[in-house]
Every structure is written in C-alpha cells, then in structure tokens.
PDB file of all heavy atoms in Angstrom:
ATOM      1  N   LEU A   1       2.730  -4.146   2.610  1.00  0.00           N
ATOM      2  CA  LEU A   1       1.729  -3.239   3.155  1.00  0.00           C
ATOM      3  C   LEU A   1       0.361  -3.879   3.371  1.00  0.00           C
ATOM      4  O   LEU A   1      -0.340  -3.530   4.315  1.00  0.00           O
ATOM      5  CB  LEU A   1       1.554  -2.039   2.220  1.00  0.00           C
ATOM      6  CG  LEU A   1       2.797  -1.197   1.942  1.00  0.00           C
ATOM      7  CD1 LEU A   1       2.457  -0.103   0.930  1.00  0.00           C
ATOM      8  CD2 LEU A   1       3.331  -0.589   3.226  1.00  0.00           C
ATOM      9  N   LEU A   2      -0.025  -4.781   2.486  1.00  0.00           N
ATOM     10  CA  LEU A   2      -1.423  -5.205   2.500  1.00  0.00           C
ATOM     11  C   LEU A   2      -1.565  -6.587   1.896  1.00  0.00           C
ATOM     12  O   LEU A   2      -0.917  -6.910   0.901  1.00  0.00           O
ATOM     13  CB  LEU A   2      -2.257  -4.200   1.691  1.00  0.00           C
ATOM     14  CG  LEU A   2      -3.769  -4.431   1.590  1.00  0.00           C
ATOM     15  CD1 LEU A   2      -4.431  -4.245   2.954  1.00  0.00           C
ATOM     16  CD2 LEU A   2      -4.384  -3.479   0.555  1.00  0.00           C
ATOM     17  N   HIS A   3      -2.428  -7.402   2.512  1.00  0.00           N
ATOM     18  CA  HIS A   3      -2.809  -8.694   1.964  1.00  0.00           C
ATOM     19  C   HIS A   3      -4.331  -8.708   1.793  1.00  0.00           C
ATOM     20  O   HIS A   3      -5.065  -9.166   2.671  1.00  0.00           O
ATOM     21  CB  HIS A   3      -2.385  -9.836   2.890  1.00  0.00           C
ATOM     22  CG  HIS A   3      -0.914 -10.032   2.989  1.00  0.00           C
ATOM     23  ND1 HIS A   3      -0.351 -11.029   3.764  1.00  0.00           N
ATOM     24  CD2 HIS A   3       0.122  -9.364   2.426  1.00  0.00           C
ATOM     25  CE1 HIS A   3       0.964 -10.968   3.673  1.00  0.00           C
ATOM     26  NE2 HIS A   3       1.274  -9.943   2.869  1.00  0.00           N
ATOM     27  N   PRO A   4      -4.848  -8.193   0.670  1.00  0.00           N
ATOM     28  CA  PRO A   4      -6.302  -8.191   0.487  1.00  0.00           C
ATOM     29  C   PRO A   4      -6.801  -9.574   0.080  1.00  0.00           C
ATOM     30  O   PRO A   4      -6.094 -10.359  -0.553  1.00  0.00           O
ATOM     31  CB  PRO A   4      -6.508  -7.182  -0.631  1.00  0.00           C
ATOM     32  CG  PRO A   4      -5.250  -7.250  -1.432  1.00  0.00           C
ATOM     33  CD  PRO A   4      -4.151  -7.549  -0.460  1.00  0.00           C
ATOM     34  N   LEU A   5      -8.033  -9.847   0.436  1.00  0.00           N
ATOM     35  CA  LEU A   5      -8.677 -11.113   0.082  1.00  0.00           C
ATOM     36  C   LEU A   5      -9.894 -10.782  -0.766  1.00  0.00           C
ATOM     37  O   LEU A   5     -10.812 -10.104  -0.312  1.00  0.00           O
ATOM     38  CB  LEU A   5      -9.089 -11.855   1.356  1.00  0.00           C
ATOM     39  CG  LEU A   5      -9.627 -13.273   1.197  1.00  0.00           C
ATOM     40  CD1 LEU A   5      -8.536 -14.197   0.662  1.00  0.00           C
ATOM     41  CD2 LEU A   5     -10.138 -13.790   2.547  1.00  0.00           C
ATOM     42  N   PHE A   6      -9.870 -11.234  -2.040  1.00  0.00           N
ATOM     43  CA  PHE A   6     -10.956 -10.942  -2.957  1.00  0.00           C
ATOM     44  C   PHE A   6     -11.850 -12.169  -3.119  1.00  0.00           C
ATOM     45  O   PHE A   6     -11.388 -13.291  -3.136  1.00  0.00           O
ATOM     46  CB  PHE A   6     -10.400 -10.532  -4.330  1.00  0.00           C
ATOM     47  CG  PHE A   6      -9.567  -9.286  -4.311  1.00  0.00           C
ATOM     48  CD1 PHE A   6      -8.187  -9.354  -4.316  1.00  0.00           C
ATOM     49  CD2 PHE A   6     -10.173  -8.053  -4.264  1.00  0.00           C
ATOM     50  CE1 PHE A   6      -7.416  -8.225  -4.295  1.00  0.00           C
ATOM     51  CE2 PHE A   6      -9.410  -6.892  -4.239  1.00  0.00           C
ATOM     52  CZ  PHE A   6      -8.025  -6.973  -4.260  1.00  0.00           C
ATOM     53  N   ASN A   7     -13.117 -11.893  -3.288  1.00  0.00           N
ATOM     54  CA  ASN A   7     -14.068 -12.971  -3.509  1.00  0.00           C
ATOM     55  C   ASN A   7     -15.154 -12.462  -4.454  1.00  0.00           C
ATOM     56  O   ASN A   7     -15.652 -11.357  -4.295  1.00  0.00           O
ATOM     57  CB  ASN A   7     -14.692 -13.423  -2.189  1.00  0.00           C
ATOM     58  CG  ASN A   7     -15.397 -14.766  -2.319  1.00  0.00           C
ATOM     59  OD1 ASN A   7     -15.385 -15.369  -3.387  1.00  0.00           O
ATOM     60  ND2 ASN A   7     -16.014 -15.217  -1.241  1.00  0.00           N
ATOM     61  N   GLY A   8     -15.494 -13.257  -5.488  1.00  0.00           N
ATOM     62  CA  GLY A   8     -16.524 -12.848  -6.423  1.00  0.00           C
ATOM     63  C   GLY A   8     -16.226 -13.340  -7.829  1.00  0.00           C
ATOM     64  O   GLY A   8     -15.408 -14.234  -8.030  1.00  0.00           O
ATOM     65  N   THR A   9     -16.861 -12.710  -8.812  1.00  0.00           N
ATOM     66  CA  THR A   9     -16.709 -13.161 -10.199  1.00  0.00           C
ATOM     67  C   THR A   9     -16.271 -12.033 -11.130  1.00  0.00           C
ATOM     68  O   THR A   9     -16.351 -12.166 -12.341  1.00  0.00           O
ATOM     69  CB  THR A   9     -18.043 -13.736 -10.716  1.00  0.00           C
ATOM     70  OG1 THR A   9     -19.065 -12.730 -10.603  1.00  0.00           O
ATOM     71  CG2 THR A   9     -18.446 -14.972  -9.938  1.00  0.00           C
ATOM     72  N   GLY A  10     -15.810 -10.909 -10.607  1.00  0.00           N
ATOM     73  CA  GLY A  10     -15.393  -9.797 -11.445  1.00  0.00           C
ATOM     74  C   GLY A  10     -13.896  -9.804 -11.700  1.00  0.00           C
ATOM     75  O   GLY A  10     -13.218 -10.811 -11.519  1.00  0.00           O
ATOM     76  N   THR A  11     -13.365  -8.658 -12.144  1.00  0.00           N
ATOM     77  CA  THR A  11     -11.947  -8.502 -12.436  1.00  0.00           C
ATOM     78  C   THR A  11     -11.422  -7.286 -11.694  1.00  0.00           C
ATOM     79  O   THR A  11     -11.997  -6.194 -11.798  1.00  0.00           O
ATOM     80  CB  THR A  11     -11.710  -8.323 -13.943  1.00  0.00           C
ATOM     81  OG1 THR A  11     -12.209  -9.468 -14.628  1.00  0.00           O
ATOM     82  CG2 THR A  11     -10.231  -8.151 -14.254  1.00  0.00           C
ATOM     83  N   VAL A  12     -10.340  -7.461 -10.955  1.00  0.00           N
ATOM     84  CA  VAL A  12      -9.706  -6.362 -10.222  1.00  0.00           C
ATOM     85  C   VAL A  12      -8.620  -5.774 -11.101  1.00  0.00           C
ATOM     86  O   VAL A  12      -7.722  -6.479 -11.553  1.00  0.00           O
ATOM     87  CB  VAL A  12      -9.107  -6.851  -8.891  1.00  0.00           C
ATOM     88  CG1 VAL A  12      -8.396  -5.705  -8.176  1.00  0.00           C
ATOM     89  CG2 VAL A  12     -10.193  -7.443  -8.008  1.00  0.00           C
ATOM     90  N   SER A  13      -8.702  -4.482 -11.392  1.00  0.00           N
ATOM     91  CA  SER A  13      -7.723  -3.842 -12.267  1.00  0.00           C
ATOM     92  C   SER A  13      -6.859  -2.823 -11.541  1.00  0.00           C
ATOM     93  O   SER A  13      -5.806  -2.433 -12.040  1.00  0.00           O
ATOM     94  CB  SER A  13      -8.430  -3.158 -13.438  1.00  0.00           C
ATOM     95  OG  SER A  13      -9.341  -2.182 -12.962  1.00  0.00           O
ATOM     96  N   GLN A  14      -7.256  -2.359 -10.357  1.00  0.00           N
ATOM     97  CA  GLN A  14      -6.488  -1.319  -9.674  1.00  0.00           C
ATOM     98  C   GLN A  14      -6.797  -1.321  -8.188  1.00  0.00           C
ATOM     99  O   GLN A  14      -7.921  -1.620  -7.781  1.00  0.00           O
ATOM    100  CB  GLN A  14      -6.831   0.048 -10.288  1.00  0.00           C
ATOM    101  CG  GLN A  14      -6.032   1.210  -9.716  1.00  0.00           C
ATOM    102  CD  GLN A  14      -6.320   2.489 -10.478  1.00  0.00           C
ATOM    103  OE1 GLN A  14      -5.708   2.776 -11.494  1.00  0.00           O
ATOM    104  NE2 GLN A  14      -7.272   3.255  -9.990  1.00  0.00           N
ATOM    105  N   ILE A  15      -5.787  -1.006  -7.391  1.00  0.00           N
ATOM    106  CA  ILE A  15      -5.942  -0.882  -5.936  1.00  0.00           C
ATOM    107  C   ILE A  15      -5.494   0.522  -5.543  1.00  0.00           C
ATOM    108  O   ILE A  15      -4.443   0.985  -5.995  1.00  0.00           O
ATOM    109  CB  ILE A  15      -5.088  -1.929  -5.187  1.00  0.00           C
ATOM    110  CG1 ILE A  15      -5.489  -3.337  -5.612  1.00  0.00           C
ATOM    111  CG2 ILE A  15      -5.228  -1.757  -3.677  1.00  0.00           C
ATOM    112  CD1 ILE A  15      -4.587  -4.415  -5.053  1.00  0.00           C
ATOM    113  N   THR A  16      -6.275   1.210  -4.727  1.00  0.00           N
ATOM    114  CA  THR A  16      -5.922   2.547  -4.256  1.00  0.00           C
ATOM    115  C   THR A  16      -5.650   2.497  -2.756  1.00  0.00           C
ATOM    116  O   THR A  16      -6.488   2.021  -1.978  1.00  0.00           O
ATOM    117  CB  THR A  16      -7.058   3.546  -4.544  1.00  0.00           C
ATOM    118  OG1 THR A  16      -7.298   3.589  -5.955  1.00  0.00           O
ATOM    119  CG2 THR A  16      -6.694   4.936  -4.051  1.00  0.00           C
ATOM    120  N   LEU A  17      -4.460   2.976  -2.358  1.00  0.00           N
ATOM    121  CA  LEU A  17      -4.076   3.041  -0.947  1.00  0.00           C
ATOM    122  C   LEU A  17      -3.981   4.499  -0.512  1.00  0.00           C
ATOM    123  O   LEU A  17      -3.586   5.354  -1.306  1.00  0.00           O
ATOM    124  CB  LEU A  17      -2.721   2.362  -0.725  1.00  0.00           C
ATOM    125  CG  LEU A  17      -2.589   0.897  -1.154  1.00  0.00           C
ATOM    126  CD1 LEU A  17      -1.174   0.387  -0.879  1.00  0.00           C
ATOM    127  CD2 LEU A  17      -3.605   0.029  -0.436  1.00  0.00           C
ATOM    128  N   GLN A  18      -4.341   4.788   0.737  1.00  0.00           N
ATOM    129  CA  GLN A  18      -4.281   6.155   1.234  1.00  0.00           C
ATOM    130  C   GLN A  18      -3.561   6.182   2.576  1.00  0.00           C
ATOM    131  O   GLN A  18      -3.794   5.352   3.453  1.00  0.00           O
ATOM    132  CB  GLN A  18      -5.691   6.728   1.390  1.00  0.00           C
ATOM    133  CG  GLN A  18      -5.705   8.178   1.874  1.00  0.00           C
ATOM    134  CD  GLN A  18      -7.092   8.783   1.863  1.00  0.00           C
ATOM    135  OE1 GLN A  18      -7.998   8.211   1.265  1.00  0.00           O
ATOM    136  NE2 GLN A  18      -7.260   9.918   2.512  1.00  0.00           N
ATOM    137  N   ARG A  19      -2.633   7.152   2.723  1.00  0.00           N
ATOM    138  CA  ARG A  19      -1.954   7.338   4.008  1.00  0.00           C
ATOM    139  C   ARG A  19      -1.734   8.835   4.228  1.00  0.00           C
ATOM    140  O   ARG A  19      -1.389   9.579   3.315  1.00  0.00           O
ATOM    141  CB  ARG A  19      -0.615   6.605   4.042  1.00  0.00           C
ATOM    142  CG  ARG A  19       0.449   7.181   3.136  1.00  0.00           C
ATOM    143  CD  ARG A  19       1.813   6.541   3.376  1.00  0.00           C
ATOM    144  NE  ARG A  19       2.835   7.099   2.522  1.00  0.00           N
ATOM    145  CZ  ARG A  19       3.528   8.205   2.791  1.00  0.00           C
ATOM    146  NH1 ARG A  19       3.284   8.865   3.922  1.00  0.00           N
ATOM    147  NH2 ARG A  19       4.443   8.666   1.947  1.00  0.00           N
ATOM    148  N   THR A  20      -1.965   9.291   5.408  1.00  0.00           N
ATOM    149  CA  THR A  20      -1.713  10.671   5.831  1.00  0.00           C
ATOM    150  C   THR A  20      -2.198  11.690   4.796  1.00  0.00           C
ATOM    151  O   THR A  20      -1.479  12.602   4.390  1.00  0.00           O
ATOM    152  CB  THR A  20      -0.197  10.899   6.093  1.00  0.00           C
ATOM    153  OG1 THR A  20       0.353   9.774   6.749  1.00  0.00           O
ATOM    154  CG2 THR A  20       0.013  12.133   6.970  1.00  0.00           C
ATOM    155  N   GLY A  21      -3.400  11.458   4.292  1.00  0.00           N
ATOM    156  CA  GLY A  21      -3.989  12.415   3.382  1.00  0.00           C
ATOM    157  C   GLY A  21      -3.532  12.301   1.942  1.00  0.00           C
ATOM    158  O   GLY A  21      -4.023  13.015   1.082  1.00  0.00           O
ATOM    159  N   ARG A  22      -2.526  11.452   1.659  1.00  0.00           N
ATOM    160  CA  ARG A  22      -2.073  11.293   0.290  1.00  0.00           C
ATOM    161  C   ARG A  22      -2.687  10.030  -0.330  1.00  0.00           C
ATOM    162  O   ARG A  22      -2.792   9.010   0.339  1.00  0.00           O
ATOM    163  CB  ARG A  22      -0.548  11.183   0.228  1.00  0.00           C
ATOM    164  CG  ARG A  22       0.164  12.445   0.685  1.00  0.00           C
ATOM    165  CD  ARG A  22       1.670  12.266   0.560  1.00  0.00           C
ATOM    166  NE  ARG A  22       2.380  13.441   1.018  1.00  0.00           N
ATOM    167  CZ  ARG A  22       3.704  13.555   1.023  1.00  0.00           C
ATOM    168  NH1 ARG A  22       4.451  12.533   0.597  1.00  0.00           N
ATOM    169  NH2 ARG A  22       4.276  14.650   1.454  1.00  0.00           N
ATOM    170  N   VAL A  23      -3.043  10.156  -1.584  1.00  0.00           N
ATOM    171  CA  VAL A  23      -3.627   9.012  -2.273  1.00  0.00           C
ATOM    172  C   VAL A  23      -2.619   8.479  -3.290  1.00  0.00           C
ATOM    173  O   VAL A  23      -2.045   9.229  -4.065  1.00  0.00           O
ATOM    174  CB  VAL A  23      -4.936   9.399  -2.985  1.00  0.00           C
ATOM    175  CG1 VAL A  23      -5.484   8.218  -3.776  1.00  0.00           C
ATOM    176  CG2 VAL A  23      -5.956   9.886  -1.968  1.00  0.00           C
ATOM    177  N   HIS A  24      -2.362   7.190  -3.230  1.00  0.00           N
ATOM    178  CA  HIS A  24      -1.443   6.551  -4.171  1.00  0.00           C
ATOM    179  C   HIS A  24      -2.205   5.448  -4.904  1.00  0.00           C
ATOM    180  O   HIS A  24      -2.872   4.632  -4.273  1.00  0.00           O
ATOM    181  CB  HIS A  24      -0.244   5.931  -3.424  1.00  0.00           C
ATOM    182  CG  HIS A  24       0.559   6.949  -2.665  1.00  0.00           C
ATOM    183  ND1 HIS A  24       1.646   7.570  -3.198  1.00  0.00           N
ATOM    184  CD2 HIS A  24       0.392   7.458  -1.411  1.00  0.00           C
ATOM    185  CE1 HIS A  24       2.156   8.427  -2.303  1.00  0.00           C
ATOM    186  NE2 HIS A  24       1.404   8.362  -1.215  1.00  0.00           N
ATOM    187  N   GLN A  25      -2.094   5.444  -6.231  1.00  0.00           N
ATOM    188  CA  GLN A  25      -2.725   4.401  -7.023  1.00  0.00           C
ATOM    189  C   GLN A  25      -1.659   3.452  -7.542  1.00  0.00           C
ATOM    190  O   GLN A  25      -0.611   3.882  -8.024  1.00  0.00           O
ATOM    191  CB  GLN A  25      -3.493   4.993  -8.211  1.00  0.00           C
ATOM    192  CG  GLN A  25      -4.746   5.755  -7.777  1.00  0.00           C
ATOM    193  CD  GLN A  25      -5.565   6.184  -8.958  1.00  0.00           C
ATOM    194  OE1 GLN A  25      -5.078   6.209 -10.078  1.00  0.00           O
ATOM    195  NE2 GLN A  25      -6.823   6.509  -8.719  1.00  0.00           N
ATOM    196  N   TYR A  26      -1.933   2.179  -7.422  1.00  0.00           N
ATOM    197  CA  TYR A  26      -0.999   1.158  -7.864  1.00  0.00           C
ATOM    198  C   TYR A  26      -1.687   0.282  -8.904  1.00  0.00           C
ATOM    199  O   TYR A  26      -2.768  -0.244  -8.650  1.00  0.00           O
ATOM    200  CB  TYR A  26      -0.530   0.291  -6.680  1.00  0.00           C
ATOM    201  CG  TYR A  26       0.169   1.092  -5.590  1.00  0.00           C
ATOM    202  CD1 TYR A  26      -0.566   1.687  -4.573  1.00  0.00           C
ATOM    203  CD2 TYR A  26       1.546   1.248  -5.607  1.00  0.00           C
ATOM    204  CE1 TYR A  26       0.068   2.424  -3.586  1.00  0.00           C
ATOM    205  CE2 TYR A  26       2.188   1.977  -4.621  1.00  0.00           C
ATOM    206  CZ  TYR A  26       1.438   2.570  -3.609  1.00  0.00           C
ATOM    207  OH  TYR A  26       2.072   3.299  -2.639  1.00  0.00           O
ATOM    208  N   SER A  27      -1.062   0.134 -10.036  1.00  0.00           N
ATOM    209  CA  SER A  27      -1.593  -0.782 -11.054  1.00  0.00           C
ATOM    210  C   SER A  27      -1.106  -2.188 -10.755  1.00  0.00           C
ATOM    211  O   SER A  27       0.042  -2.381 -10.359  1.00  0.00           O
ATOM    212  CB  SER A  27      -1.125  -0.366 -12.458  1.00  0.00           C
ATOM    213  OG  SER A  27      -1.673   0.898 -12.782  1.00  0.00           O
ATOM    214  N   CYS A  28      -1.975  -3.142 -10.951  1.00  0.00           N
ATOM    215  CA  CYS A  28      -1.603  -4.525 -10.678  1.00  0.00           C
ATOM    216  C   CYS A  28      -0.551  -5.010 -11.670  1.00  0.00           C
ATOM    217  O   CYS A  28      -0.637  -4.747 -12.866  1.00  0.00           O
ATOM    218  CB  CYS A  28      -2.825  -5.443 -10.809  1.00  0.00           C
ATOM    219  SG  CYS A  28      -4.178  -4.981  -9.737  1.00  0.00           S
ATOM    220  N   LYS A  29       0.434  -5.722 -11.164  1.00  0.00           N
ATOM    221  CA  LYS A  29       1.388  -6.369 -12.062  1.00  0.00           C
ATOM    222  C   LYS A  29       0.746  -7.565 -12.755  1.00  0.00           C
ATOM    223  O   LYS A  29       1.053  -7.878 -13.890  1.00  0.00           O
ATOM    224  CB  LYS A  29       2.627  -6.814 -11.280  1.00  0.00           C
ATOM    225  CG  LYS A  29       3.462  -5.648 -10.760  1.00  0.00           C
ATOM    226  CD  LYS A  29       4.702  -6.151 -10.041  1.00  0.00           C
ATOM    227  CE  LYS A  29       5.554  -4.992  -9.563  1.00  0.00           C
ATOM    228  NZ  LYS A  29       6.747  -5.466  -8.836  1.00  0.00           N
ATOM    229  N   GLN A  30      -0.131  -8.227 -12.067  1.00  0.00           N
ATOM    230  CA  GLN A  30      -0.874  -9.341 -12.644  1.00  0.00           C
ATOM    231  C   GLN A  30      -2.320  -9.221 -12.184  1.00  0.00           C
ATOM    232  O   GLN A  30      -2.672  -9.705 -11.121  1.00  0.00           O
ATOM    233  CB  GLN A  30      -0.290 -10.697 -12.218  1.00  0.00           C
ATOM    234  CG  GLN A  30       1.048 -11.025 -12.859  1.00  0.00           C
ATOM    235  CD  GLN A  30       1.520 -12.402 -12.433  1.00  0.00           C
ATOM    236  OE1 GLN A  30       1.448 -12.772 -11.261  1.00  0.00           O
ATOM    237  NE2 GLN A  30       2.008 -13.166 -13.399  1.00  0.00           N
ATOM    238  N   CYS A  31      -3.119  -8.516 -12.932  1.00  0.00           N
ATOM    239  CA  CYS A  31      -4.520  -8.322 -12.577  1.00  0.00           C
ATOM    240  C   CYS A  31      -5.331  -9.440 -13.198  1.00  0.00           C
ATOM    241  O   CYS A  31      -5.594  -9.432 -14.400  1.00  0.00           O
ATOM    242  CB  CYS A  31      -5.008  -6.963 -13.057  1.00  0.00           C
ATOM    243  SG  CYS A  31      -4.185  -5.601 -12.209  1.00  0.00           S
ATOM    244  N   LEU A  32      -5.693 -10.405 -12.402  1.00  0.00           N
ATOM    245  CA  LEU A  32      -6.354 -11.596 -12.917  1.00  0.00           C
ATOM    246  C   LEU A  32      -7.818 -11.621 -12.520  1.00  0.00           C
ATOM    247  O   LEU A  32      -8.209 -11.046 -11.495  1.00  0.00           O
ATOM    248  CB  LEU A  32      -5.658 -12.857 -12.378  1.00  0.00           C
ATOM    249  CG  LEU A  32      -4.179 -12.972 -12.709  1.00  0.00           C
ATOM    250  CD1 LEU A  32      -3.608 -14.210 -12.034  1.00  0.00           C
ATOM    251  CD2 LEU A  32      -3.964 -13.032 -14.212  1.00  0.00           C
TER     252      LEU A  32
END
C-alpha cells in the first residue's frame, strides 16, 4: 500500500491509513 520515507531524529511508533472514510491504525512490526 505505501512506501513512506522518514527523515529526522525521532522514533516512529504508529502509522495511520485512511480510505473511504474508514480509519485503520497499524502498529509497526519493527518500529525503529
């Protein structure tokens, strides 16, 4: 679905995707 590109010095713990009015939250399998 998605290839995000992150840049910075923080930590990404969760990504939220939205389609057709529905919100789905996905927890990272490897949040580094």
